[in-house]
């Protein structure tokens, strides 16, 4: 069997299983099998597969057909140009969360521009860090900023620590095992979070691959806002004057999150839209 034949077979199998992107998924799984990136694979469609390669590739295909996402199968996911390790203990980083990172970078830059050059580093906390993708991306793109991250899940925190160790200089991000901010010390200039925000009743209706992600990182309670309500209260108490809180949520929730921020006394309330044009991130500043 050649790589080209394997791609055709894999795409057909995944299409019949109802995969959203069968050709892309097949090429990613075959690339992982052969140790090639997708561009190189597509240029070498005549490359032969060994019997061991065929077995490994078909195993990957079977896992994908049964509803496991490609990121969990290969153990990695790209985010902001960085290659993050992922597994069933963490959410798969998604492009929509890059909107949260972009909003955080803008907040960091505005704060830096308003301060004297001799000021201490800006302090940023990522709550519900999961794989660590937001915290690590922020530190990678703004190395002068002090970044910490926390999560309630020990297995998730272990993955975040490994990602930080792989992608950043040692000790570049501090990590805390914490139920939101309860075990995190200090005050912060910026708090960001992609918390669980899926309503409990909706979890069972999600795509099969999403249902395999950790419920702890998805389930936001009856209306999806249980953790966000807590974050608004706890964030208000832990931000320095003028500090900003940025929260990712579902598009149908973002206006409600903005109302929660407003009711808690935050000012400068603003929302940002995701790649599909839907409101995705709400933020506000602690009134001095």
C-alpha atoms as a PDB file:
ATOM      1  CA  UNK A   1       0.000   0.000   0.000  1.00  0.00           C
ATOM      2  CA  UNK A   2       1.271   3.481  -0.890  1.00  0.00           C
ATOM      3  CA  UNK A   3       0.664   6.665   1.078  1.00  0.00           C
ATOM      4  CA  UNK A   4      -1.771   7.838  -1.586  1.00  0.00           C
ATOM      5  CA  UNK A   5      -3.773   4.632  -1.386  1.00  0.00           C
ATOM      6  CA  UNK A   6      -3.754   4.831   2.417  1.00  0.00           C
ATOM      7  CA  UNK A   7      -5.104   8.389   2.303  1.00  0.00           C
ATOM      8  CA  UNK A   8      -7.971   7.370   0.012  1.00  0.00           C
ATOM      9  CA  UNK A   9      -8.830   4.368   2.189  1.00  0.00           C
ATOM     10  CA  UNK A  10      -8.611   6.375   5.421  1.00  0.00           C
ATOM     11  CA  UNK A  11     -10.718   9.261   4.167  1.00  0.00           C
ATOM     12  CA  UNK A  12     -13.414   6.848   2.938  1.00  0.00           C
ATOM     13  CA  UNK A  13     -13.525   5.049   6.287  1.00  0.00           C
ATOM     14  CA  UNK A  14     -13.757   8.279   8.279  1.00  0.00           C
ATOM     15  CA  UNK A  15     -16.355   9.723   5.906  1.00  0.00           C
ATOM     16  CA  UNK A  16     -18.557   6.680   6.444  1.00  0.00           C
ATOM     17  CA  UNK A  17     -18.080   7.111  10.218  1.00  0.00           C
ATOM     18  CA  UNK A  18     -19.378  10.698  10.002  1.00  0.00           C
ATOM     19  CA  UNK A  19     -16.121  12.591  10.611  1.00  0.00           C
ATOM     20  CA  UNK A  20     -16.381  16.307   9.818  1.00  0.00           C
ATOM     21  CA  UNK A  21     -13.045  16.485   7.967  1.00  0.00           C
ATOM     22  CA  UNK A  22     -12.227  12.940   6.813  1.00  0.00           C
ATOM     23  CA  UNK A  23      -9.480  13.802   4.309  1.00  0.00           C
ATOM     24  CA  UNK A  24      -7.692  16.159   6.695  1.00  0.00           C
ATOM     25  CA  UNK A  25      -7.956  13.701   9.581  1.00  0.00           C
ATOM     26  CA  UNK A  26      -6.658  10.827   7.449  1.00  0.00           C
ATOM     27  CA  UNK A  27      -3.666  12.874   6.303  1.00  0.00           C
ATOM     28  CA  UNK A  28      -2.817  13.946   9.865  1.00  0.00           C
ATOM     29  CA  UNK A  29      -3.022  10.377  11.135  1.00  0.00           C
ATOM     30  CA  UNK A  30      -0.960   9.006   8.243  1.00  0.00           C
ATOM     31  CA  UNK A  31       1.601  11.762   8.742  1.00  0.00           C
ATOM     32  CA  UNK A  32       1.884  10.755  12.388  1.00  0.00           C
ATOM     33  CA  UNK A  33       2.285   7.122  11.339  1.00  0.00           C
ATOM     34  CA  UNK A  34       5.106   7.888   8.910  1.00  0.00           C
ATOM     35  CA  UNK A  35       6.755  10.720  10.852  1.00  0.00           C
ATOM     36  CA  UNK A  36       6.053  13.292   8.126  1.00  0.00           C
ATOM     37  CA  UNK A  37       4.354  16.651   8.248  1.00  0.00           C
ATOM     38  CA  UNK A  38       1.260  16.985   6.088  1.00  0.00           C
ATOM     39  CA  UNK A  39       2.978  18.950   3.280  1.00  0.00           C
ATOM     40  CA  UNK A  40       5.728  16.360   2.914  1.00  0.00           C
ATOM     41  CA  UNK A  41       3.238  13.516   3.041  1.00  0.00           C
ATOM     42  CA  UNK A  42       1.119  14.972   0.240  1.00  0.00           C
ATOM     43  CA  UNK A  43       4.216  15.370  -1.922  1.00  0.00           C
ATOM     44  CA  UNK A  44       5.184  11.719  -1.403  1.00  0.00           C
ATOM     45  CA  UNK A  45       1.963   9.907  -2.163  1.00  0.00           C
ATOM     46  CA  UNK A  46       3.934   7.059  -3.775  1.00  0.00           C
ATOM     47  CA  UNK A  47       5.845   6.280  -0.555  1.00  0.00           C
ATOM     48  CA  UNK A  48       5.223   2.675   0.534  1.00  0.00           C
ATOM     49  CA  UNK A  49       3.871   1.708   3.962  1.00  0.00           C
ATOM     50  CA  UNK A  50       5.475  -1.152   5.827  1.00  0.00           C
ATOM     51  CA  UNK A  51       3.182  -3.812   7.347  1.00  0.00           C
ATOM     52  CA  UNK A  52       3.797  -2.250  10.772  1.00  0.00           C
ATOM     53  CA  UNK A  53       2.866   1.187   9.389  1.00  0.00           C
ATOM     54  CA  UNK A  54      -0.386  -0.203   7.977  1.00  0.00           C
ATOM     55  CA  UNK A  55      -1.328  -1.720  11.325  1.00  0.00           C
ATOM     56  CA  UNK A  56      -0.542   1.490  13.219  1.00  0.00           C
ATOM     57  CA  UNK A  57      -2.404   3.666  10.712  1.00  0.00           C
ATOM     58  CA  UNK A  58      -5.511   1.469  10.759  1.00  0.00           C
ATOM     59  CA  UNK A  59      -5.448   1.515  14.560  1.00  0.00           C
ATOM     60  CA  UNK A  60      -5.421   5.311  14.462  1.00  0.00           C
ATOM     61  CA  UNK A  61      -8.284   5.292  11.950  1.00  0.00           C
ATOM     62  CA  UNK A  62     -10.349   2.969  14.133  1.00  0.00           C
ATOM     63  CA  UNK A  63      -9.877   5.244  17.148  1.00  0.00           C
ATOM     64  CA  UNK A  64     -10.924   8.280  15.096  1.00  0.00           C
ATOM     65  CA  UNK A  65     -13.949   6.438  13.676  1.00  0.00           C
ATOM     66  CA  UNK A  66     -15.023   5.607  17.233  1.00  0.00           C
ATOM     67  CA  UNK A  67     -15.114   9.313  18.113  1.00  0.00           C
ATOM     68  CA  UNK A  68     -11.671  10.038  19.552  1.00  0.00           C
ATOM     69  CA  UNK A  69     -10.280  13.340  18.295  1.00  0.00           C
ATOM     70  CA  UNK A  70      -7.078  13.518  16.254  1.00  0.00           C
ATOM     71  CA  UNK A  71      -5.327  15.602  18.925  1.00  0.00           C
ATOM     72  CA  UNK A  72      -5.764  12.876  21.555  1.00  0.00           C
ATOM     73  CA  UNK A  73      -4.669  10.175  19.113  1.00  0.00           C
ATOM     74  CA  UNK A  74      -1.424  11.926  18.177  1.00  0.00           C
ATOM     75  CA  UNK A  75      -1.022  13.512  21.636  1.00  0.00           C
ATOM     76  CA  UNK A  76      -0.419  17.059  20.419  1.00  0.00           C
ATOM     77  CA  UNK A  77      -2.231  20.195  19.279  1.00  0.00           C
ATOM     78  CA  UNK A  78      -0.888  23.416  17.795  1.00  0.00           C
ATOM     79  CA  UNK A  79      -1.883  26.689  19.459  1.00  0.00           C
ATOM     80  CA  UNK A  80      -0.436  30.125  18.677  1.00  0.00           C
ATOM     81  CA  UNK A  81       2.353  28.431  16.724  1.00  0.00           C
ATOM     82  CA  UNK A  82       3.374  26.216  19.662  1.00  0.00           C
ATOM     83  CA  UNK A  83       3.012  22.430  19.809  1.00  0.00           C
ATOM     84  CA  UNK A  84       1.200  21.488  23.046  1.00  0.00           C
ATOM     85  CA  UNK A  85       0.988  18.020  24.525  1.00  0.00           C
ATOM     86  CA  UNK A  86      -2.638  17.042  25.161  1.00  0.00           C
ATOM     87  CA  UNK A  87      -4.552  14.038  26.444  1.00  0.00           C
ATOM     88  CA  UNK A  88      -7.911  13.065  27.954  1.00  0.00           C
ATOM     89  CA  UNK A  89      -7.171  15.038  31.144  1.00  0.00           C
ATOM     90  CA  UNK A  90      -7.270  18.417  29.361  1.00  0.00           C
ATOM     91  CA  UNK A  91      -9.376  20.224  26.801  1.00  0.00           C
ATOM     92  CA  UNK A  92      -7.983  20.355  23.292  1.00  0.00           C
ATOM     93  CA  UNK A  93      -6.809  23.948  22.604  1.00  0.00           C
ATOM     94  CA  UNK A  94      -9.105  25.590  20.073  1.00  0.00           C
ATOM     95  CA  UNK A  95      -8.671  28.555  17.706  1.00  0.00           C
ATOM     96  CA  UNK A  96     -11.477  30.451  19.479  1.00  0.00           C
ATOM     97  CA  UNK A  97      -9.330  30.604  22.624  1.00  0.00           C
ATOM     98  CA  UNK A  98      -6.700  32.497  20.649  1.00  0.00           C
ATOM     99  CA  UNK A  99      -9.167  35.402  20.863  1.00  0.00           C
ATOM    100  CA  UNK A 100      -8.718  35.329  24.649  1.00  0.00           C
ATOM    101  CA  UNK A 101      -4.931  35.433  24.178  1.00  0.00           C
ATOM    102  CA  UNK A 102      -5.198  38.356  21.752  1.00  0.00           C
ATOM    103  CA  UNK A 103      -7.374  40.311  24.203  1.00  0.00           C
ATOM    104  CA  UNK A 104      -4.870  39.572  26.985  1.00  0.00           C
ATOM    105  CA  UNK A 105      -1.928  40.717  24.880  1.00  0.00           C
ATOM    106  CA  UNK A 106      -3.701  43.997  24.134  1.00  0.00           C
ATOM    107  CA  UNK A 107      -4.422  44.500  27.844  1.00  0.00           C
ATOM    108  CA  UNK A 108      -0.772  43.788  28.696  1.00  0.00           C
ATOM    109  CA  UNK A 109       0.452  46.252  26.087  1.00  0.00           C
ATOM    110  CA  UNK A 110      -1.927  49.007  27.240  1.00  0.00           C
ATOM    111  CA  UNK A 111      -0.858  48.511  30.853  1.00  0.00           C
ATOM    112  CA  UNK A 112       2.830  48.573  29.917  1.00  0.00           C
ATOM    113  CA  UNK A 113       2.393  51.764  27.881  1.00  0.00           C
ATOM    114  CA  UNK A 114       0.735  53.521  30.826  1.00  0.00           C
ATOM    115  CA  UNK A 115       3.483  52.664  33.321  1.00  0.00           C
ATOM    116  CA  UNK A 116       6.970  54.068  33.874  1.00  0.00           C
ATOM    117  CA  UNK A 117       9.712  51.894  32.408  1.00  0.00           C
ATOM    118  CA  UNK A 118      11.034  51.227  35.922  1.00  0.00           C
ATOM    119  CA  UNK A 119       7.750  49.647  37.097  1.00  0.00           C
ATOM    120  CA  UNK A 120       7.703  46.017  38.299  1.00  0.00           C
ATOM    121  CA  UNK A 121       6.686  43.381  35.716  1.00  0.00           C
ATOM    122  CA  UNK A 122       3.009  43.097  34.871  1.00  0.00           C
ATOM    123  CA  UNK A 123       1.457  40.133  36.731  1.00  0.00           C
ATOM    124  CA  UNK A 124      -0.867  37.809  34.810  1.00  0.00           C
ATOM    125  CA  UNK A 125      -2.839  34.829  36.146  1.00  0.00           C
ATOM    126  CA  UNK A 126      -4.459  32.172  33.950  1.00  0.00           C
ATOM    127  CA  UNK A 127      -7.261  30.383  35.841  1.00  0.00           C
ATOM    128  CA  UNK A 128      -8.456  26.903  34.734  1.00  0.00           C
ATOM    129  CA  UNK A 129      -5.266  26.573  32.709  1.00  0.00           C
ATOM    130  CA  UNK A 130      -5.815  22.994  31.465  1.00  0.00           C
ATOM    131  CA  UNK A 131      -2.979  22.235  29.025  1.00  0.00           C
ATOM    132  CA  UNK A 132      -1.376  25.571  29.909  1.00  0.00           C
ATOM    133  CA  UNK A 133      -1.852  26.855  26.372  1.00  0.00           C
ATOM    134  CA  UNK A 134      -2.985  30.369  27.347  1.00  0.00           C
ATOM    135  CA  UNK A 135      -0.362  30.918  30.059  1.00  0.00           C
ATOM    136  CA  UNK A 136       2.485  29.514  27.968  1.00  0.00           C
ATOM    137  CA  UNK A 137       1.454  31.480  24.863  1.00  0.00           C
ATOM    138  CA  UNK A 138       1.294  34.722  26.848  1.00  0.00           C
ATOM    139  CA  UNK A 139       4.732  34.172  28.368  1.00  0.00           C
ATOM    140  CA  UNK A 140       6.190  33.169  24.999  1.00  0.00           C
ATOM    141  CA  UNK A 141       4.843  36.319  23.328  1.00  0.00           C
ATOM    142  CA  UNK A 142       5.479  38.726  26.217  1.00  0.00           C
ATOM    143  CA  UNK A 143       8.573  37.342  28.026  1.00  0.00           C
ATOM    144  CA  UNK A 144       8.888  40.317  30.385  1.00  0.00           C
ATOM    145  CA  UNK A 145       5.506  39.625  31.982  1.00  0.00           C
ATOM    146  CA  UNK A 146       5.218  37.545  35.181  1.00  0.00           C
ATOM    147  CA  UNK A 147       2.804  34.688  34.425  1.00  0.00           C
ATOM    148  CA  UNK A 148       1.201  32.175  36.781  1.00  0.00           C
ATOM    149  CA  UNK A 149      -1.513  29.591  36.161  1.00  0.00           C
ATOM    150  CA  UNK A 150      -3.788  27.376  38.228  1.00  0.00           C
ATOM    151  CA  UNK A 151      -6.141  24.436  37.852  1.00  0.00           C
ATOM    152  CA  UNK A 152      -8.184  22.235  40.179  1.00  0.00           C
ATOM    153  CA  UNK A 153      -7.140  19.046  38.337  1.00  0.00           C
ATOM    154  CA  UNK A 154      -3.765  17.522  39.310  1.00  0.00           C
ATOM    155  CA  UNK A 155      -3.490  15.545  36.021  1.00  0.00           C
ATOM    156  CA  UNK A 156      -4.214  18.689  34.000  1.00  0.00           C
ATOM    157  CA  UNK A 157      -1.651  20.644  35.998  1.00  0.00           C
ATOM    158  CA  UNK A 158       0.953  17.953  35.316  1.00  0.00           C
ATOM    159  CA  UNK A 159       0.388  18.361  31.564  1.00  0.00           C
ATOM    160  CA  UNK A 160       0.574  22.155  31.842  1.00  0.00           C
ATOM    161  CA  UNK A 161       3.869  21.882  33.733  1.00  0.00           C
ATOM    162  CA  UNK A 162       5.259  19.573  31.057  1.00  0.00           C
ATOM    163  CA  UNK A 163       4.207  21.933  28.287  1.00  0.00           C
ATOM    164  CA  UNK A 164       5.792  24.909  30.031  1.00  0.00           C
ATOM    165  CA  UNK A 165       8.993  22.930  30.545  1.00  0.00           C
ATOM    166  CA  UNK A 166       9.111  21.939  26.876  1.00  0.00           C
ATOM    167  CA  UNK A 167       8.213  25.284  25.373  1.00  0.00           C
ATOM    168  CA  UNK A 168       9.668  27.887  27.755  1.00  0.00           C
ATOM    169  CA  UNK A 169      12.847  28.404  29.798  1.00  0.00           C
ATOM    170  CA  UNK A 170      12.739  26.679  33.194  1.00  0.00           C
ATOM    171  CA  UNK A 171      10.534  28.325  35.788  1.00  0.00           C
ATOM    172  CA  UNK A 172       9.022  30.797  33.306  1.00  0.00           C
ATOM    173  CA  UNK A 173       5.457  30.130  34.546  1.00  0.00           C
ATOM    174  CA  UNK A 174       4.432  29.397  38.146  1.00  0.00           C
ATOM    175  CA  UNK A 175       1.676  26.817  38.669  1.00  0.00           C
ATOM    176  CA  UNK A 176      -0.778  26.346  41.539  1.00  0.00           C
ATOM    177  CA  UNK A 177      -3.196  23.547  42.334  1.00  0.00           C
ATOM    178  CA  UNK A 178      -6.267  25.569  43.209  1.00  0.00           C
ATOM    179  CA  UNK A 179     -10.058  25.725  43.083  1.00  0.00           C
ATOM    180  CA  UNK A 180     -10.185  28.923  41.042  1.00  0.00           C
ATOM    181  CA  UNK A 181      -8.226  31.525  43.039  1.00  0.00           C
ATOM    182  CA  UNK A 182      -8.579  30.000  46.511  1.00  0.00           C
ATOM    183  CA  UNK A 183      -4.996  28.688  46.809  1.00  0.00           C
ATOM    184  CA  UNK A 184      -3.282  31.278  44.633  1.00  0.00           C
ATOM    185  CA  UNK A 185      -1.404  34.010  46.526  1.00  0.00           C
ATOM    186  CA  UNK A 186      -1.021  37.655  45.626  1.00  0.00           C
ATOM    187  CA  UNK A 187      -2.750  40.316  43.581  1.00  0.00           C
ATOM    188  CA  UNK A 188      -2.753  40.577  39.803  1.00  0.00           C
ATOM    189  CA  UNK A 189      -2.812  43.128  37.013  1.00  0.00           C
ATOM    190  CA  UNK A 190      -4.625  40.779  34.625  1.00  0.00           C
ATOM    191  CA  UNK A 191      -6.634  37.608  35.209  1.00  0.00           C
ATOM    192  CA  UNK A 192      -7.688  35.516  32.217  1.00  0.00           C
ATOM    193  CA  UNK A 193      -9.725  32.323  32.074  1.00  0.00           C
ATOM    194  CA  UNK A 194     -11.295  29.849  29.699  1.00  0.00           C
ATOM    195  CA  UNK A 195     -13.416  28.185  32.403  1.00  0.00           C
ATOM    196  CA  UNK A 196     -16.009  25.413  32.119  1.00  0.00           C
ATOM    197  CA  UNK A 197     -19.078  27.092  30.612  1.00  0.00           C
ATOM    198  CA  UNK A 198     -21.178  24.392  28.911  1.00  0.00           C
ATOM    199  CA  UNK A 199     -24.618  24.024  30.578  1.00  0.00           C
ATOM    200  CA  UNK A 200     -24.882  20.626  32.270  1.00  0.00           C
ATOM    201  CA  UNK A 201     -27.892  19.535  30.209  1.00  0.00           C
ATOM    202  CA  UNK A 202     -26.028  20.258  26.975  1.00  0.00           C
ATOM    203  CA  UNK A 203     -23.026  18.011  27.687  1.00  0.00           C
ATOM    204  CA  UNK A 204     -24.803  14.879  26.423  1.00  0.00           C
ATOM    205  CA  UNK A 205     -25.683  16.558  23.113  1.00  0.00           C
ATOM    206  CA  UNK A 206     -22.114  17.516  22.208  1.00  0.00           C
ATOM    207  CA  UNK A 207     -20.185  15.803  19.427  1.00  0.00           C
ATOM    208  CA  UNK A 208     -18.766  12.414  20.384  1.00  0.00           C
ATOM    209  CA  UNK A 209     -15.184  13.670  20.348  1.00  0.00           C
ATOM    210  CA  UNK A 210     -16.047  16.593  22.644  1.00  0.00           C
ATOM    211  CA  UNK A 211     -17.821  14.283  25.101  1.00  0.00           C
ATOM    212  CA  UNK A 212     -14.493  12.480  25.501  1.00  0.00           C
ATOM    213  CA  UNK A 213     -12.922  15.651  26.875  1.00  0.00           C
ATOM    214  CA  UNK A 214     -12.922  16.009  30.689  1.00  0.00           C
ATOM    215  CA  UNK A 215     -16.341  16.906  32.082  1.00  0.00           C
ATOM    216  CA  UNK A 216     -14.564  18.867  34.824  1.00  0.00           C
ATOM    217  CA  UNK A 217     -13.320  21.254  32.145  1.00  0.00           C
ATOM    218  CA  UNK A 218     -16.656  21.497  30.294  1.00  0.00           C
ATOM    219  CA  UNK A 219     -19.520  21.501  32.802  1.00  0.00           C
ATOM    220  CA  UNK A 220     -20.426  24.994  33.964  1.00  0.00           C
ATOM    221  CA  UNK A 221     -23.594  24.088  35.884  1.00  0.00           C
ATOM    222  CA  UNK A 222     -27.251  24.607  35.034  1.00  0.00           C
ATOM    223  CA  UNK A 223     -26.763  27.700  32.880  1.00  0.00           C
ATOM    224  CA  UNK A 224     -23.027  27.277  32.279  1.00  0.00           C
ATOM    225  CA  UNK A 225     -22.146  30.305  34.406  1.00  0.00           C
ATOM    226  CA  UNK A 226     -21.463  28.789  37.844  1.00  0.00           C
ATOM    227  CA  UNK A 227     -17.679  29.107  37.602  1.00  0.00           C
ATOM    228  CA  UNK A 228     -17.878  32.432  35.806  1.00  0.00           C
ATOM    229  CA  UNK A 229     -19.968  33.957  38.609  1.00  0.00           C
ATOM    230  CA  UNK A 230     -17.328  32.858  41.093  1.00  0.00           C
ATOM    231  CA  UNK A 231     -14.517  34.165  38.909  1.00  0.00           C
ATOM    232  CA  UNK A 232     -16.133  37.583  38.660  1.00  0.00           C
ATOM    233  CA  UNK A 233     -16.413  37.802  42.454  1.00  0.00           C
ATOM    234  CA  UNK A 234     -13.015  36.318  43.234  1.00  0.00           C
ATOM    235  CA  UNK A 235     -11.311  38.226  40.433  1.00  0.00           C
ATOM    236  CA  UNK A 236     -12.662  41.533  41.686  1.00  0.00           C
ATOM    237  CA  UNK A 237     -11.130  40.851  45.095  1.00  0.00           C
ATOM    238  CA  UNK A 238      -7.736  39.843  43.684  1.00  0.00           C
ATOM    239  CA  UNK A 239      -7.111  42.436  40.993  1.00  0.00           C
ATOM    240  CA  UNK A 240      -5.136  45.582  41.686  1.00  0.00           C
ATOM    241  CA  UNK A 241      -6.940  48.849  40.952  1.00  0.00           C
ATOM    242  CA  UNK A 242      -7.295  49.182  37.204  1.00  0.00           C
ATOM    243  CA  UNK A 243      -6.558  45.478  36.712  1.00  0.00           C
ATOM    244  CA  UNK A 244      -8.527  43.627  34.055  1.00  0.00           C
ATOM    245  CA  UNK A 245     -10.496  40.368  34.047  1.00  0.00           C
ATOM    246  CA  UNK A 246     -11.009  38.549  30.728  1.00  0.00           C
ATOM    247  CA  UNK A 247     -13.359  35.565  30.422  1.00  0.00           C
ATOM    248  CA  UNK A 248     -14.105  33.246  27.522  1.00  0.00           C
ATOM    249  CA  UNK A 249     -17.665  31.910  27.273  1.00  0.00           C
ATOM    250  CA  UNK A 250     -20.189  30.605  24.782  1.00  0.00           C
ATOM    251  CA  UNK A 251     -21.499  33.145  22.264  1.00  0.00           C
ATOM    252  CA  UNK A 252     -24.978  33.059  23.805  1.00  0.00           C
ATOM    253  CA  UNK A 253     -23.480  33.795  27.247  1.00  0.00           C
ATOM    254  CA  UNK A 254     -21.094  36.655  26.536  1.00  0.00           C
ATOM    255  CA  UNK A 255     -23.643  39.435  27.066  1.00  0.00           C
ATOM    256  CA  UNK A 256     -24.643  37.819  30.377  1.00  0.00           C
ATOM    257  CA  UNK A 257     -20.980  37.691  31.431  1.00  0.00           C
ATOM    258  CA  UNK A 258     -20.663  41.378  30.603  1.00  0.00           C
ATOM    259  CA  UNK A 259     -23.700  42.045  32.827  1.00  0.00           C
ATOM    260  CA  UNK A 260     -22.083  40.080  35.670  1.00  0.00           C
ATOM    261  CA  UNK A 261     -18.933  42.176  35.358  1.00  0.00           C
ATOM    262  CA  UNK A 262     -20.967  45.362  35.317  1.00  0.00           C
ATOM    263  CA  UNK A 263     -22.970  44.319  38.391  1.00  0.00           C
ATOM    264  CA  UNK A 264     -19.733  43.600  40.282  1.00  0.00           C
ATOM    265  CA  UNK A 265     -18.546  47.155  39.621  1.00  0.00           C
ATOM    266  CA  UNK A 266     -16.161  46.538  36.744  1.00  0.00           C
ATOM    267  CA  UNK A 267     -15.769  49.353  34.219  1.00  0.00           C
ATOM    268  CA  UNK A 268     -14.615  49.522  30.615  1.00  0.00           C
ATOM    269  CA  UNK A 269     -16.729  46.481  29.759  1.00  0.00           C
ATOM    270  CA  UNK A 270     -15.961  45.167  26.279  1.00  0.00           C
ATOM    271  CA  UNK A 271     -16.510  41.997  24.276  1.00  0.00           C
ATOM    272  CA  UNK A 272     -14.578  40.399  21.436  1.00  0.00           C
ATOM    273  CA  UNK A 273     -15.810  38.237  18.579  1.00  0.00           C
ATOM    274  CA  UNK A 274     -14.339  34.888  17.545  1.00  0.00           C
ATOM    275  CA  UNK A 275     -13.284  33.754  14.075  1.00  0.00           C
ATOM    276  CA  UNK A 276     -16.911  33.077  13.123  1.00  0.00           C
ATOM    277  CA  UNK A 277     -17.996  36.575  14.192  1.00  0.00           C
ATOM    278  CA  UNK A 278     -19.676  35.424  17.423  1.00  0.00           C
ATOM    279  CA  UNK A 279     -19.081  37.155  20.739  1.00  0.00           C
ATOM    280  CA  UNK A 280     -16.628  34.991  22.679  1.00  0.00           C
ATOM    281  CA  UNK A 281     -14.682  37.020  25.284  1.00  0.00           C
ATOM    282  CA  UNK A 282     -15.950  39.573  27.800  1.00  0.00           C
ATOM    283  CA  UNK A 283     -13.707  41.751  29.936  1.00  0.00           C
ATOM    284  CA  UNK A 284     -13.764  44.595  32.403  1.00  0.00           C
ATOM    285  CA  UNK A 285     -11.417  46.627  34.584  1.00  0.00           C
ATOM    286  CA  UNK A 286     -11.508  46.939  38.359  1.00  0.00           C
ATOM    287  CA  UNK A 287     -12.566  50.484  39.117  1.00  0.00           C
ATOM    288  CA  UNK A 288      -9.755  52.331  40.966  1.00  0.00           C
END
